[in-house]
Amino acid sequence: MNSDVQIAGDPLAIPHLLPPVPAHPATVAGFAGLARSIAADRAAWAPLVRYDATTRWYHRLRTGPGYEVWLLSWVPGQGSGRHDHGASSGVLTVLEGELTEHVEGGPRSLTAGAQRVFAPGYVHEVVNDALTPAVSLHVYFPGLTNMPMHPSQATDAGAATAPPGILAP
């Protein structure tokens, strides 16, 4: 008696019958899903987090073809300065705590689980205005190569400019 595999052949031996496996996400929704899946794996990222009272701490968690993933910590009062991400799009996911995103339309509170998706040229400032530390995950596609700083919104009204920053996610 012949089995189905003997009659039809092993479908796993015929690659054209299998759906292609994506090498990496190809859409904004795919990158947002990647961020959610990394966020859900707390055991993989939580032991890496460090807090630094003098500067924001960041760690490149993963790279892939055309993207990179960064893990950042924020102690109370720390902020990014007003900036954009050059030619990169991105997904910001708050893993722990609360962050405030300052944009042209006003501040937005981002609590654990919140995601923000942005396109190249999107200007914002992220600050930990809370009394407890926060952790965030940032996916950039393509990888971050430029992070131009912008004058603070207060500068537009005549206040002092924000200090220039170094390239940091």
Protein backbone atom coordinates (compact mmCIF):
# COMPACT_ATOMS: atom_id res chain seq x y z
CA MET A 1 0.00 0.00 0.00
CA ASN A 2 1.33 3.41 -0.96
CA SER A 3 1.14 6.45 1.31
CA ASP A 4 0.16 9.91 0.11
CA VAL A 5 3.80 10.98 0.43
CA GLN A 6 4.91 8.10 -1.78
CA ILE A 7 2.27 8.95 -4.38
CA ALA A 8 2.46 12.77 -4.40
CA GLY A 9 5.94 13.29 -3.04
CA ASP A 10 7.03 15.19 0.03
CA PRO A 11 5.63 18.74 -0.24
CA LEU A 12 8.48 20.06 1.94
CA ALA A 13 10.94 18.85 -0.69
CA ILE A 14 9.33 21.09 -3.29
CA PRO A 15 10.18 24.69 -2.25
CA HIS A 16 7.91 26.31 -4.83
CA LEU A 17 4.87 24.90 -3.02
CA LEU A 18 5.74 26.69 0.23
CA PRO A 19 4.92 30.36 0.85
CA PRO A 20 8.01 32.57 0.90
CA VAL A 21 9.37 33.41 4.33
CA PRO A 22 9.86 37.16 4.65
CA ALA A 23 13.45 38.14 5.46
CA HIS A 24 12.19 41.07 7.53
CA PRO A 25 9.12 43.28 7.81
CA ALA A 26 8.27 45.13 4.61
CA THR A 27 5.47 47.43 5.79
CA VAL A 28 4.92 49.92 8.60
CA ALA A 29 2.42 47.47 10.10
CA GLY A 30 5.08 44.76 9.93
CA PHE A 31 7.60 46.93 11.81
CA ALA A 32 4.96 47.83 14.40
CA GLY A 33 4.29 44.10 14.80
CA LEU A 34 8.03 43.45 15.17
CA ALA A 35 8.15 46.06 17.96
CA ARG A 36 5.14 44.46 19.70
CA SER A 37 6.71 40.99 19.50
CA ILE A 38 9.99 42.24 20.97
CA ALA A 39 8.09 44.14 23.67
CA ALA A 40 6.21 40.96 24.60
CA ASP A 41 9.51 39.11 25.17
CA ARG A 42 10.37 40.94 28.39
CA ALA A 43 12.87 38.26 29.44
CA ALA A 44 15.00 39.16 26.40
CA TRP A 45 15.21 42.93 26.93
CA ALA A 46 14.61 43.67 30.63
CA PRO A 47 17.98 42.33 31.89
CA LEU A 48 19.78 44.66 29.44
CA VAL A 49 18.22 47.91 30.72
CA ARG A 50 20.50 50.32 32.57
CA TYR A 51 19.66 53.72 34.04
CA ASP A 52 22.08 56.64 33.84
CA ALA A 53 21.30 59.88 35.66
CA THR A 54 23.69 61.89 33.48
CA THR A 55 22.49 60.90 30.00
CA ARG A 56 19.90 58.78 28.27
CA TRP A 57 21.05 55.17 28.08
CA TYR A 58 20.57 53.30 24.82
CA HIS A 59 21.52 49.90 23.43
CA ARG A 60 21.18 48.55 19.89
CA LEU A 61 19.11 45.45 20.49
CA ARG A 62 18.87 44.07 16.97
CA THR A 63 19.68 44.80 13.35
CA GLY A 64 18.23 43.31 10.22
CA PRO A 65 18.29 44.01 6.53
CA GLY A 66 17.27 47.65 6.31
CA TYR A 67 16.31 48.21 9.96
CA GLU A 68 17.61 48.45 13.51
CA VAL A 69 16.03 48.18 16.96
CA TRP A 70 17.11 50.28 19.94
CA LEU A 71 16.29 49.95 23.63
CA LEU A 72 16.33 53.23 25.63
CA SER A 73 15.90 54.12 29.27
CA TRP A 74 14.77 57.46 30.63
CA VAL A 75 15.10 58.63 34.23
CA PRO A 76 12.73 61.40 35.34
CA GLY A 77 13.52 64.67 33.59
CA GLN A 78 15.52 63.19 30.71
CA GLY A 79 14.54 64.09 27.18
CA SER A 80 15.66 63.70 23.60
CA GLY A 81 15.67 67.32 22.53
CA ARG A 82 13.55 68.34 19.55
CA HIS A 83 14.68 66.31 16.53
CA ASP A 84 13.73 64.30 13.47
CA HIS A 85 15.17 61.01 12.17
CA GLY A 86 16.50 62.08 8.79
CA ALA A 87 15.52 59.61 6.08
CA SER A 88 14.34 56.97 8.57
CA SER A 89 10.77 56.06 9.45
CA GLY A 90 10.18 54.57 12.86
CA VAL A 91 8.06 52.97 15.52
CA LEU A 92 8.34 54.12 19.14
CA THR A 93 6.91 51.71 21.73
CA VAL A 94 6.79 52.47 25.45
CA LEU A 95 7.73 49.33 27.38
CA GLU A 96 7.61 50.64 30.96
CA GLY A 97 6.62 53.89 32.61
CA GLU A 98 5.30 56.97 30.85
CA LEU A 99 6.81 59.34 28.31
CA THR A 100 5.54 62.62 26.89
CA GLU A 101 5.90 63.29 23.18
CA HIS A 102 5.94 66.98 22.33
CA VAL A 103 4.82 67.70 18.76
CA GLU A 104 3.50 70.72 16.91
CA GLY A 105 -0.10 69.89 17.89
CA GLY A 106 0.72 69.69 21.61
CA PRO A 107 1.97 67.07 24.07
CA ARG A 108 0.86 63.44 24.00
CA SER A 109 1.14 61.14 26.98
CA LEU A 110 2.47 57.69 26.08
CA THR A 111 2.04 54.94 28.66
CA ALA A 112 3.33 51.36 28.62
CA GLY A 113 2.09 49.60 25.48
CA ALA A 114 1.57 52.82 23.49
CA GLN A 115 3.05 52.99 20.00
CA ARG A 116 3.80 55.96 17.75
CA VAL A 117 4.64 55.49 14.08
CA PHE A 118 6.43 58.27 12.21
CA ALA A 119 7.71 59.06 8.73
CA PRO A 120 10.98 60.72 7.67
CA GLY A 121 11.09 64.37 8.70
CA TYR A 122 8.66 63.95 11.65
CA VAL A 123 9.80 66.43 14.32
CA HIS A 124 9.20 65.65 17.98
CA GLU A 125 10.73 65.70 21.43
CA VAL A 126 10.33 62.82 23.88
CA VAL A 127 10.63 63.53 27.61
CA ASN A 128 10.15 61.58 30.82
CA ASP A 129 7.95 64.04 32.74
CA ALA A 130 6.95 61.34 35.24
CA LEU A 131 8.44 60.63 38.66
CA THR A 132 9.51 57.09 37.75
CA PRO A 133 11.93 55.74 35.10
CA ALA A 134 10.67 54.66 31.68
CA VAL A 135 11.89 52.25 29.00
CA SER A 136 11.15 52.48 25.28
CA LEU A 137 11.83 50.49 22.14
CA HIS A 138 12.61 52.22 18.83
CA VAL A 139 12.59 50.54 15.41
CA TYR A 140 14.11 52.59 12.57
CA PHE A 141 13.84 51.69 8.88
CA PRO A 142 16.17 52.20 7.21
CA GLY A 143 18.62 52.23 10.10
CA LEU A 144 19.19 55.58 11.79
CA THR A 145 22.07 57.48 10.18
CA ASN A 146 21.08 61.06 10.96
CA MET A 147 19.16 62.74 13.77
CA PRO A 148 19.02 66.47 13.09
CA MET A 149 18.23 68.61 16.11
CA HIS A 150 15.69 71.43 15.86
CA PRO A 151 15.25 74.56 17.97
CA SER A 152 12.86 73.97 20.85
CA GLN A 153 9.30 75.16 20.36
CA ALA A 154 9.93 77.70 23.11
CA THR A 155 12.67 79.18 20.87
CA ASP A 156 10.06 80.11 18.31
CA ALA A 157 8.59 82.36 20.98
CA GLY A 158 11.99 83.87 21.78
CA ALA A 159 13.44 81.57 24.46
CA ALA A 160 16.93 80.04 24.37
CA THR A 161 17.73 77.28 21.88
CA ALA A 162 18.07 73.66 22.85
CA PRO A 163 21.69 72.44 23.09
CA PRO A 164 22.98 70.58 20.02
CA GLY A 165 22.84 66.82 20.38
CA ILE A 166 24.87 63.89 19.20
CA LEU A 167 23.43 61.10 17.10
CA ALA A 168 21.48 58.98 19.56
CA PRO A 169 18.25 57.09 19.04
